[in-house]
Amino acid sequence: MFSHLIRSTRGRKNLASLVCGALAAGGLAAAGVSSALAPGAANASSHREAPLISGQPQYDTTDVYAFVSPDRPDTTTIVANWLPFEEPAGGPNFYRFADDARYDIHIDSDGDAQGDLLYRWTFHDQIRNGDTFLFNTGPVTSLDDPDLNITQTYDLEMMRLRNQHVISTTKIANDVPVAPSNVGKASMPDYAELRKEAVRELKDGTTVFAGQADDPFFLDLRVFDLLYGGDLSEVGRDTLKGYNVNSIALQVPSEHIRQSAGQPVVGIWSTTHRKSASGDWTQVSRLGMPLVNEVVIPLKDKDRFNASSPWNDADFLTSVTEPELPKLIEDIYKIEAPEEPRDDLVSVFLTGVKDLNQPPGVRPAEALRLNTAVPPTGEPKRLGVLDGDNAGFPNGRRLTDDVLDIALQVVEGELVGKKNDLGDAVDENDVEFEKSFPYVALPTSGSNGPLAEAAGNRSQLDGGAELTSGSATDDRTVLALSAGAAGAGVVLIGTGLAWWRSRRRGRWS
């Protein structure tokens, strides 16, 4: 009884194929005119190579950094990033923080796995002209430029907590502008100036920033292709090169966040809460230490981990003491895995390292632990503590710390006598970091990449609005061929429609 539907559907598919083929014939020929202006291939990895919160990139925390500020050593800088894999030219809807989210930075000052301070960012959208599709309607030279059509601002609250309950809330910033996406050099000729405008110092000595930045995490994500191709052939390419993120940065006097000069270690993590249609808030992302939810927590627990709090991290302890990664490395590369249970990993990922960044009476929890009393070094070493640099990871995390190499070496037993120099052959970020707050590099511009050839070798509009080129005859020939192909496409479409209609009349008459 359904055969007529099947035949009818097949006929529509054949018609669709004919139409698409005809349009493609014209379109491919026409492409010869503008091929010089086509964008080049992206220089970074596919989105499929990274574990993302499916369908919720605006709420997905990518990384958290915390370090004693190199140029202001009496302060601590915290950077948290969201919205991974931002393609710089990804308009017209460029990248914004979600306006139905709470972006939180938690600080535990006594090691009990409960936040004592919470900094909360909430964002607000403004659209000047809803009758255009443009993000900006002309060159943007300031954050209040009327040509910046879509803008964001944020409010920042500081909350004090006791036993996981808020005891006071203070709004410390109101309607602070966000640095927009770096659309391109024509739209934003001096993006560095826009970045400067988005850095604001508050009355209590805190400095804040929110906006787009180059993704500071450097690594080869082909680790997910059977650990670098199964034979270490897939290493040495920073697969995050060229992608941007949305960053929140906070620089605060260290005395404001630590318990005391005698107990200077703080635990830091981020969370994102999303507002539901009923008005309830749900935690959808959580991150402190790098790579934990990516390569330590198994698939069955990832969503639960994102919704959990450090207080309950004993639920995930087995994933740390009996990790999967060393077993995979042994299976693929025949490097013997260290003996379990892995108490060495507990100190790195959950408690902090004794006599460095482990607070007294610590409750094991996944948080980035920073000893704010350790001064910054003038020449940071990318392997941090493993290379004798106690100002680096896992004592906090600096932008220059090579956490992928550090994590690989530690997981393979560096701290239990199994010395190794494993790594992904990506030792530094593709662009240099800034020397002052917010330290993250400027975002890659949307106009970055191959440009058209010189004006004499490509079509252009001159002052008289006449189409000219270095080879007008060739261009006219291409245009004629394109028009002919497009016309042939129309004929094919018409023929196809007539044929399909005649078949349809014959079938149902």
Protein backbone atom coordinates (compact mmCIF):
# COMPACT_ATOMS: atom_id res chain seq x y z
CA MET A 1 0.00 0.00 0.00
CA PHE A 2 2.99 2.31 0.41
CA SER A 3 4.51 1.62 -3.06
CA HIS A 4 3.11 4.78 -4.57
CA LEU A 5 4.76 6.83 -1.83
CA ILE A 6 8.07 5.16 -2.47
CA ARG A 7 7.85 5.81 -6.22
CA SER A 8 6.79 9.40 -5.62
CA THR A 9 9.71 9.97 -3.25
CA ARG A 10 12.16 8.43 -5.72
CA GLY A 11 10.89 10.74 -8.42
CA ARG A 12 11.47 13.78 -6.20
CA LYS A 13 15.00 12.60 -5.43
CA ASN A 14 15.77 12.22 -9.14
CA LEU A 15 14.39 15.71 -9.74
CA ALA A 16 16.45 17.12 -6.88
CA SER A 17 19.60 15.52 -8.29
CA LEU A 18 18.90 17.01 -11.71
CA VAL A 19 18.30 20.49 -10.28
CA CYS A 20 21.41 20.39 -8.08
CA GLY A 21 23.54 19.16 -10.95
CA ALA A 22 22.32 21.94 -13.20
CA LEU A 23 22.96 24.62 -10.61
CA ALA A 24 26.37 23.18 -9.85
CA ALA A 25 27.33 23.33 -13.52
CA GLY A 26 26.66 27.06 -13.65
CA GLY A 27 28.09 27.75 -10.22
CA LEU A 28 31.39 25.99 -10.80
CA ALA A 29 32.01 27.88 -14.00
CA ALA A 30 31.12 31.20 -12.35
CA ALA A 31 33.59 30.43 -9.58
CA GLY A 32 36.41 31.07 -12.02
CA VAL A 33 35.83 34.83 -11.66
CA SER A 34 36.32 35.00 -7.89
CA SER A 35 38.54 32.05 -7.03
CA ALA A 36 41.36 34.41 -6.04
CA LEU A 37 39.17 35.77 -3.24
CA ALA A 38 38.16 32.39 -1.83
CA PRO A 39 39.29 31.73 1.75
CA GLY A 40 42.12 29.27 2.33
CA ALA A 41 41.79 26.12 4.38
CA ALA A 42 41.84 26.56 8.14
CA ASN A 43 45.25 26.04 9.73
CA ALA A 44 43.87 24.30 12.78
CA SER A 45 42.14 21.05 13.59
CA SER A 46 38.57 19.97 12.96
CA HIS A 47 36.00 20.46 15.68
CA ARG A 48 35.57 16.70 15.77
CA GLU A 49 39.04 16.22 17.19
CA ALA A 50 38.20 17.77 20.59
CA PRO A 51 35.72 16.75 23.25
CA LEU A 52 33.19 19.58 23.37
CA ILE A 53 29.93 20.05 25.21
CA SER A 54 27.66 18.98 22.40
CA GLY A 55 25.65 21.90 21.09
CA GLN A 56 26.59 24.25 23.94
CA PRO A 57 29.92 25.91 23.07
CA GLN A 58 28.94 29.19 24.75
CA TYR A 59 28.82 27.35 28.08
CA ASP A 60 31.86 25.12 27.57
CA THR A 61 34.90 26.04 29.65
CA THR A 62 38.04 25.20 27.70
CA ASP A 63 40.81 26.04 30.18
CA VAL A 64 41.58 27.76 33.47
CA TYR A 65 44.89 29.47 34.28
CA ALA A 66 46.07 30.91 37.60
CA PHE A 67 49.47 32.44 38.33
CA VAL A 68 51.20 35.13 40.31
CA SER A 69 51.26 38.14 37.98
CA PRO A 70 54.78 38.49 36.54
CA ASP A 71 54.66 42.30 36.42
CA ARG A 72 52.61 42.72 39.62
CA PRO A 73 53.78 39.97 41.98
CA ASP A 74 51.50 41.11 44.80
CA THR A 75 48.52 40.07 42.66
CA THR A 76 47.13 36.82 41.27
CA THR A 77 45.83 36.55 37.72
CA ILE A 78 43.07 34.11 36.81
CA VAL A 79 42.08 33.48 33.20
CA ALA A 80 39.20 31.24 32.14
CA ASN A 81 38.19 30.58 28.55
CA TRP A 82 34.94 29.55 26.93
CA LEU A 83 33.57 28.88 23.45
CA PRO A 84 36.26 26.69 21.87
CA PHE A 85 37.30 26.50 18.23
CA GLU A 86 36.16 29.97 17.19
CA GLU A 87 36.82 30.29 13.47
CA PRO A 88 37.96 33.95 13.17
CA ALA A 89 35.92 34.61 10.01
CA GLY A 90 32.82 32.90 11.41
CA GLY A 91 30.32 35.67 10.75
CA PRO A 92 27.84 37.20 10.49
CA ASN A 93 26.93 35.88 13.93
CA PHE A 94 30.25 36.33 15.64
CA TYR A 95 31.07 35.03 19.09
CA ARG A 96 29.38 36.25 22.24
CA PHE A 97 29.08 35.10 25.81
CA ALA A 98 25.66 33.65 26.52
CA ASP A 99 23.20 36.07 28.11
CA ASP A 100 21.39 33.22 29.89
CA ALA A 101 24.46 31.95 31.72
CA ARG A 102 26.36 32.53 34.93
CA TYR A 103 30.12 32.35 34.44
CA ASP A 104 31.71 31.67 37.82
CA ILE A 105 35.24 31.55 39.21
CA HIS A 106 35.46 29.75 42.58
CA ILE A 107 38.26 30.23 45.11
CA ASP A 108 38.86 27.86 48.01
CA SER A 109 41.22 29.49 50.50
CA ASP A 110 41.49 26.71 53.10
CA GLY A 111 41.64 23.45 51.13
CA ASP A 112 38.28 22.01 52.20
CA ALA A 113 36.97 21.71 48.59
CA GLN A 114 34.34 24.38 49.22
CA GLY A 115 34.42 27.81 47.65
CA ASP A 116 35.05 30.71 50.02
CA LEU A 117 34.89 33.38 47.31
CA LEU A 118 32.94 33.35 44.07
CA TYR A 119 33.26 35.84 41.23
CA ARG A 120 30.24 35.81 38.90
CA TRP A 121 29.97 37.35 35.42
CA THR A 122 26.58 37.88 33.75
CA PHE A 123 26.42 39.27 30.23
CA HIS A 124 23.92 41.48 28.42
CA ASP A 125 23.44 41.97 24.66
CA GLN A 126 22.73 45.24 22.90
CA ILE A 127 21.79 45.57 19.21
CA ARG A 128 21.75 49.05 17.70
CA ASN A 129 20.11 48.21 14.37
CA GLY A 130 18.09 45.05 13.93
CA ASP A 131 17.40 45.81 10.27
CA THR A 132 20.88 44.78 9.11
CA PHE A 133 22.67 41.45 9.18
CA LEU A 134 26.00 43.14 9.89
CA PHE A 135 27.94 42.77 13.14
CA ASN A 136 29.41 46.19 12.43
CA THR A 137 28.28 48.75 9.87
CA GLY A 138 31.64 50.46 9.35
CA PRO A 139 35.17 50.63 10.77
CA VAL A 140 35.12 50.32 14.57
CA THR A 141 37.61 52.50 16.43
CA SER A 142 36.23 52.33 19.98
CA LEU A 143 33.95 50.13 22.06
CA ASP A 144 31.21 52.78 21.97
CA ASP A 145 31.57 53.36 18.22
CA PRO A 146 28.06 53.59 16.68
CA ASP A 147 29.32 51.36 13.86
CA LEU A 148 29.69 48.47 16.33
CA ASN A 149 26.17 47.15 15.83
CA ILE A 150 26.23 44.30 18.36
CA THR A 151 27.80 44.89 21.75
CA GLN A 152 27.97 43.15 25.08
CA THR A 153 28.44 44.38 28.63
CA TYR A 154 28.72 42.49 31.89
CA ASP A 155 28.12 42.84 35.58
CA LEU A 156 30.54 41.28 38.07
CA GLU A 157 29.55 40.18 41.55
CA MET A 158 31.77 38.94 44.37
CA MET A 159 30.16 36.53 46.81
CA ARG A 160 31.47 35.32 50.13
CA LEU A 161 30.44 31.82 51.14
CA ARG A 162 30.42 29.68 54.24
CA ASN A 163 29.65 25.96 54.17
CA GLN A 164 28.61 26.32 50.51
CA HIS A 165 26.05 29.03 51.29
CA VAL A 166 26.29 32.67 50.21
CA ILE A 167 26.62 35.01 53.17
CA SER A 168 27.19 38.27 51.26
CA THR A 169 27.06 39.58 47.69
CA THR A 170 28.75 42.72 46.41
CA LYS A 171 28.46 44.05 42.88
CA ILE A 172 31.97 45.23 42.07
CA ALA A 173 31.48 46.12 38.38
CA ASN A 174 28.50 47.21 36.33
CA ASP A 175 27.97 47.49 32.57
CA VAL A 176 31.62 46.88 31.67
CA PRO A 177 32.12 46.58 27.88
CA VAL A 178 33.30 43.35 26.28
CA ALA A 179 35.99 43.35 23.61
CA PRO A 180 34.19 42.12 20.45
CA SER A 181 35.21 39.43 18.01
CA ASN A 182 38.05 40.54 15.76
CA VAL A 183 36.03 40.69 12.54
CA GLY A 184 38.92 41.81 10.32
CA LYS A 185 41.33 44.62 9.58
CA ALA A 186 38.81 46.60 7.54
CA SER A 187 36.23 46.43 10.32
CA MET A 188 38.63 46.85 13.25
CA PRO A 189 41.81 48.53 12.01
CA ASP A 190 43.32 48.80 15.52
CA TYR A 191 42.04 45.84 17.52
CA ALA A 192 44.75 46.30 20.16
CA GLU A 193 43.14 49.60 21.09
CA LEU A 194 39.77 47.91 21.54
CA ARG A 195 41.44 45.36 23.83
CA LYS A 196 42.92 48.16 25.94
CA GLU A 197 39.50 49.79 26.34
CA ALA A 198 38.08 46.51 27.66
CA VAL A 199 40.64 46.33 30.51
CA ARG A 200 39.16 48.08 33.55
CA GLU A 201 40.61 48.67 37.01
CA LEU A 202 38.09 48.60 39.84
CA LYS A 203 38.07 50.58 43.08
CA ASP A 204 39.41 47.73 45.23
CA GLY A 205 42.52 47.25 43.08
CA THR A 206 41.02 44.41 41.02
CA THR A 207 41.48 44.53 37.24
CA VAL A 208 39.06 42.81 34.87
CA PHE A 209 38.75 41.92 31.22
CA ALA A 210 36.29 40.02 29.04
CA GLY A 211 36.55 39.51 25.31
CA GLN A 212 37.98 37.48 22.50
CA ALA A 213 41.54 36.14 22.57
CA ASP A 214 43.78 33.71 20.76
CA ASP A 215 43.32 30.25 22.27
CA PRO A 216 46.36 30.00 24.57
CA PHE A 217 46.30 26.20 24.86
CA PHE A 218 48.93 24.69 22.58
CA LEU A 219 49.01 20.98 21.79
CA ASP A 220 48.52 18.41 19.06
CA LEU A 221 44.96 17.14 19.41
CA ARG A 222 45.70 14.13 17.24
CA VAL A 223 46.31 12.39 20.54
CA PHE A 224 42.70 11.28 20.06
CA ASP A 225 43.65 9.41 16.86
CA LEU A 226 44.91 6.32 18.72
CA LEU A 227 47.50 8.38 20.59
CA TYR A 228 49.15 10.24 17.72
CA GLY A 229 48.39 7.83 14.92
CA GLY A 230 49.47 4.68 16.74
CA ASP A 231 53.08 5.19 15.67
CA LEU A 232 53.87 8.78 16.75
CA SER A 233 53.57 9.94 13.15
CA GLU A 234 50.97 12.57 14.09
CA VAL A 235 52.84 14.99 16.34
CA GLY A 236 54.29 18.46 16.06
CA ARG A 237 51.26 20.44 14.83
CA ASP A 238 49.48 22.90 17.09
CA THR A 239 45.95 21.96 16.11
CA LEU A 240 44.54 24.97 17.99
CA LYS A 241 46.61 27.38 15.92
CA GLY A 242 44.47 30.12 14.41
CA TYR A 243 41.42 29.51 16.59
CA ASN A 244 40.09 31.97 19.17
CA VAL A 245 38.20 31.69 22.45
CA ASN A 246 36.20 34.03 24.66
CA SER A 247 38.24 34.92 27.72
CA ILE A 248 37.45 36.23 31.17
CA ALA A 249 40.41 37.53 33.14
CA LEU A 250 40.67 38.73 36.72
CA GLN A 251 43.69 40.23 38.47
CA VAL A 252 43.19 40.59 42.18
CA PRO A 253 45.49 41.42 45.12
CA SER A 254 46.61 38.05 46.45
CA GLU A 255 45.78 39.07 50.01
CA HIS A 256 42.12 39.34 48.97
CA ILE A 257 41.82 35.67 48.03
CA ARG A 258 44.20 33.71 50.27
CA GLN A 259 43.45 32.75 53.86
CA SER A 260 46.58 34.41 55.27
CA ALA A 261 50.26 34.97 54.63
CA GLY A 262 50.86 31.74 56.55
CA GLN A 263 48.39 29.80 54.39
CA PRO A 264 48.84 31.24 50.88
CA VAL A 265 47.56 28.28 48.83
CA VAL A 266 44.26 28.69 46.99
CA GLY A 267 42.22 26.24 44.96
CA ILE A 268 40.59 27.60 41.81
CA TRP A 269 37.99 26.25 39.37
CA SER A 270 35.32 27.55 37.03
CA THR A 271 31.70 26.59 36.47
CA THR A 272 28.99 27.59 34.02
CA HIS A 273 25.31 27.56 34.88
CA ARG A 274 22.62 27.80 32.23
CA LYS A 275 19.12 29.12 32.83
CA SER A 276 16.30 26.78 31.86
CA ALA A 277 12.95 27.75 30.36
CA SER A 278 11.42 27.45 33.83
CA GLY A 279 13.95 29.88 35.29
CA ASP A 280 16.07 27.32 37.13
CA TRP A 281 19.87 27.32 36.93
CA THR A 282 21.72 24.14 35.99
CA GLN A 283 25.49 23.62 36.13
CA VAL A 284 26.62 22.38 32.72
CA SER A 285 30.39 22.83 32.85
CA ARG A 286 33.17 22.66 35.41
CA LEU A 287 36.94 22.87 35.04
CA GLY A 288 39.98 23.31 37.23
CA MET A 289 42.98 21.16 36.34
CA PRO A 290 43.62 20.72 32.61
CA LEU A 291 42.91 17.45 30.79
CA VAL A 292 41.07 15.79 33.67
CA ASN A 293 37.63 15.57 32.06
CA GLU A 294 39.21 14.92 28.67
CA VAL A 295 41.52 11.97 29.39
CA VAL A 296 40.96 10.95 33.03
CA ILE A 297 37.17 10.86 33.47
CA PRO A 298 35.53 8.07 31.39
CA LEU A 299 32.64 8.69 29.03
CA LYS A 300 30.00 7.36 31.40
CA ASP A 301 30.95 9.96 34.04
CA LYS A 302 31.74 13.05 31.96
CA ASP A 303 28.33 14.72 32.18
CA ARG A 304 28.08 13.86 35.86
CA PHE A 305 31.51 15.37 36.49
CA ASN A 306 30.51 18.58 34.69
CA ALA A 307 27.48 18.89 36.97
CA SER A 308 29.33 18.02 40.19
CA SER A 309 31.24 20.01 42.78
CA PRO A 310 34.79 19.38 44.07
CA TRP A 311 33.34 18.45 47.45
CA ASN A 312 32.14 15.19 45.88
CA ASP A 313 35.26 14.29 43.92
CA ALA A 314 35.77 11.10 45.89
CA ASP A 315 33.16 9.74 43.47
CA PHE A 316 35.78 9.91 40.71
CA LEU A 317 38.86 8.83 42.69
CA THR A 318 39.27 5.48 40.92
CA SER A 319 39.67 7.26 37.57
CA VAL A 320 42.77 8.96 39.02
CA THR A 321 44.31 6.07 40.99
CA GLU A 322 43.64 3.57 38.17
CA PRO A 323 43.93 5.74 35.04
CA GLU A 324 43.16 4.47 31.56
CA LEU A 325 45.81 6.42 29.64
CA PRO A 326 48.92 4.49 30.80
CA LYS A 327 47.20 1.24 29.86
CA LEU A 328 46.47 2.57 26.37
CA ILE A 329 50.07 3.69 25.97
CA GLU A 330 51.25 0.23 27.04
CA ASP A 331 48.90 -1.46 24.55
CA ILE A 332 49.92 0.74 21.63
CA TYR A 333 53.57 1.60 22.34
CA LYS A 334 54.57 -1.25 24.67
CA ILE A 335 55.74 1.16 27.39
CA GLU A 336 55.01 -0.52 30.70
CA ALA A 337 52.40 1.27 32.77
CA PRO A 338 53.37 2.27 36.35
CA GLU A 339 51.98 0.21 39.19
CA GLU A 340 48.65 1.11 40.73
CA PRO A 341 47.21 2.70 42.80
CA ARG A 342 48.66 5.97 41.48
CA ASP A 343 49.09 8.05 44.64
CA ASP A 344 51.49 10.28 42.70
CA LEU A 345 48.61 11.39 40.46
CA VAL A 346 46.48 12.12 43.51
CA SER A 347 49.05 14.67 44.67
CA VAL A 348 49.28 16.32 41.26
CA PHE A 349 45.58 16.43 40.37
CA LEU A 350 43.71 16.35 43.69
CA THR A 351 45.66 17.49 46.76
CA GLY A 352 48.57 19.58 45.57
CA VAL A 353 52.24 18.71 45.97
CA LYS A 354 53.46 18.50 49.55
CA ASP A 355 55.61 21.46 50.64
CA LEU A 356 54.66 23.36 47.49
CA ASN A 357 50.93 23.85 46.88
CA GLN A 358 49.21 21.46 49.26
CA PRO A 359 47.20 23.27 51.95
CA PRO A 360 47.06 21.79 55.46
CA GLY A 361 44.19 19.37 56.05
CA VAL A 362 43.39 19.31 52.33
CA ARG A 363 40.34 17.48 51.10
CA PRO A 364 41.21 15.77 47.77
CA ALA A 365 39.43 17.59 44.96
CA GLU A 366 40.03 18.52 41.35
CA ALA A 367 41.06 22.18 41.49
CA LEU A 368 43.94 24.24 40.19
CA ARG A 369 46.05 24.85 43.31
CA LEU A 370 48.31 27.89 43.45
CA ASN A 371 50.75 28.93 46.15
CA THR A 372 50.48 32.71 45.90
CA ALA A 373 53.68 33.13 47.96
CA VAL A 374 55.91 31.61 45.25
CA PRO A 375 57.28 34.56 43.26
CA PRO A 376 57.22 34.54 39.47
CA THR A 377 60.38 33.67 37.61
CA GLY A 378 61.94 35.86 34.96
CA GLU A 379 62.51 32.91 32.62
CA PRO A 380 59.63 30.44 32.92
CA LYS A 381 60.38 26.85 31.98
CA ARG A 382 57.71 25.15 29.95
CA LEU A 383 57.81 21.96 32.06
CA GLY A 384 57.27 23.91 35.28
CA VAL A 385 57.92 21.99 38.49
CA LEU A 386 59.28 18.97 36.58
CA ASP A 387 62.14 21.19 35.41
CA GLY A 388 62.73 22.89 38.76
CA ASP A 389 60.51 25.92 38.13
CA ASN A 390 58.19 25.98 41.14
CA ALA A 391 56.22 28.94 39.79
CA GLY A 392 54.75 26.72 37.07
CA PHE A 393 52.34 23.84 36.64
CA PRO A 394 51.13 22.02 38.68
CA ASN A 395 51.61 24.98 41.03
CA GLY A 396 48.88 26.93 39.29
CA ARG A 397 49.11 27.16 35.54
CA ARG A 398 50.80 29.83 33.45
CA LEU A 399 49.95 30.50 29.83
CA THR A 400 53.39 29.23 28.78
CA ASP A 401 53.25 25.94 30.71
CA ASP A 402 53.30 22.91 28.43
CA VAL A 403 50.68 20.99 30.38
CA LEU A 404 50.24 18.26 27.75
CA ASP A 405 53.90 17.22 27.95
CA ILE A 406 53.90 17.56 31.74
CA ALA A 407 50.77 15.45 32.07
CA LEU A 408 52.07 12.75 29.72
CA GLN A 409 55.34 12.47 31.59
CA VAL A 410 53.68 12.39 35.00
CA VAL A 411 51.07 9.84 33.91
CA GLU A 412 53.89 7.63 32.61
CA GLY A 413 55.59 7.66 36.01
CA GLU A 414 58.00 10.61 36.06
CA LEU A 415 57.35 11.07 39.80
CA VAL A 416 57.75 7.38 40.68
CA GLY A 417 61.12 6.72 39.09
CA LYS A 418 60.08 6.13 35.48
CA LYS A 419 61.95 9.00 33.87
CA ASN A 420 60.74 9.89 30.38
CA ASP A 421 60.57 12.77 27.95
CA LEU A 422 57.22 12.07 26.31
CA GLY A 423 55.47 14.90 24.53
CA ASP A 424 53.61 16.00 21.43
CA ALA A 425 56.44 18.12 19.93
CA VAL A 426 54.39 21.32 20.36
CA ASP A 427 56.37 23.31 22.92
CA GLU A 428 54.90 26.80 22.74
CA ASN A 429 51.96 28.82 21.51
CA ASP A 430 51.93 29.89 17.89
CA VAL A 431 51.73 33.58 18.86
CA GLU A 432 53.47 35.40 21.69
CA PHE A 433 51.54 36.25 24.83
CA GLU A 434 51.14 39.83 26.06
CA LYS A 435 53.50 41.18 28.71
CA SER A 436 50.76 42.72 30.86
CA PHE A 437 47.20 41.96 31.90
CA PRO A 438 45.24 40.15 30.54
CA TYR A 439 48.35 38.44 29.07
CA VAL A 440 46.41 36.36 26.52
CA ALA A 441 47.39 37.09 22.93
CA LEU A 442 45.20 39.19 20.66
CA PRO A 443 42.67 37.11 18.72
CA THR A 444 43.35 36.00 15.19
CA SER A 445 41.70 38.42 12.78
CA GLY A 446 38.84 37.33 10.58
CA SER A 447 40.79 38.70 7.60
CA ASN A 448 43.79 36.52 8.40
CA GLY A 449 44.87 34.21 5.60
CA PRO A 450 45.65 34.34 1.88
CA LEU A 451 44.68 37.56 0.13
CA ALA A 452 43.81 38.31 -3.48
CA GLU A 453 46.63 39.09 -5.87
CA ALA A 454 47.65 42.63 -6.80
CA ALA A 455 44.97 44.80 -8.37
CA GLY A 456 46.45 44.47 -11.87
CA ASN A 457 45.91 40.72 -11.87
CA ARG A 458 42.30 40.51 -10.69
CA SER A 459 38.92 42.06 -11.43
CA GLN A 460 38.13 45.31 -9.66
CA LEU A 461 35.75 48.25 -9.77
CA ASP A 462 37.44 51.51 -10.69
CA GLY A 463 36.17 55.01 -10.01
CA GLY A 464 33.89 54.84 -13.03
CA ALA A 465 32.26 51.64 -11.80
CA GLU A 466 33.49 49.84 -14.93
CA LEU A 467 34.54 46.22 -14.52
CA THR A 468 38.21 46.06 -15.54
CA SER A 469 41.05 43.63 -15.14
CA GLY A 470 44.51 42.78 -16.35
CA SER A 471 42.91 40.48 -18.91
CA ALA A 472 39.45 41.76 -19.75
CA THR A 473 38.99 39.36 -22.66
CA ASP A 474 39.66 36.35 -20.48
CA ASP A 475 37.28 37.58 -17.81
CA ARG A 476 34.54 38.28 -20.35
CA THR A 477 35.06 34.80 -21.74
CA VAL A 478 34.74 33.27 -18.28
CA LEU A 479 31.67 35.36 -17.56
CA ALA A 480 30.12 34.31 -20.85
CA LEU A 481 30.86 30.68 -20.15
CA SER A 482 29.42 31.09 -16.66
CA ALA A 483 26.27 32.72 -18.00
CA GLY A 484 25.97 30.02 -20.64
CA ALA A 485 26.37 27.29 -18.07
CA ALA A 486 23.85 28.94 -15.79
CA GLY A 487 21.43 29.26 -18.73
CA ALA A 488 21.93 25.61 -19.55
CA GLY A 489 21.15 24.89 -15.93
CA VAL A 490 17.84 26.72 -16.23
CA VAL A 491 17.00 24.75 -19.38
CA LEU A 492 17.85 21.49 -17.63
CA ILE A 493 15.67 22.44 -14.68
CA GLY A 494 12.78 23.32 -16.97
CA THR A 495 13.18 20.09 -18.90
CA GLY A 496 13.32 18.12 -15.69
CA LEU A 497 10.17 19.74 -14.34
CA ALA A 498 8.28 19.08 -17.59
CA TRP A 499 9.41 15.43 -17.61
CA TRP A 500 8.50 14.91 -13.96
CA ARG A 501 5.07 16.51 -14.38
CA SER A 502 4.29 14.39 -17.47
CA ARG A 503 5.30 11.24 -15.59
CA ARG A 504 3.16 12.30 -12.65
CA ARG A 505 0.09 12.95 -14.86
CA GLY A 506 0.56 9.59 -16.57
CA ARG A 507 0.88 7.75 -13.26
CA TRP A 508 -2.25 9.20 -11.61
CA SER A 509 -4.52 9.60 -14.67
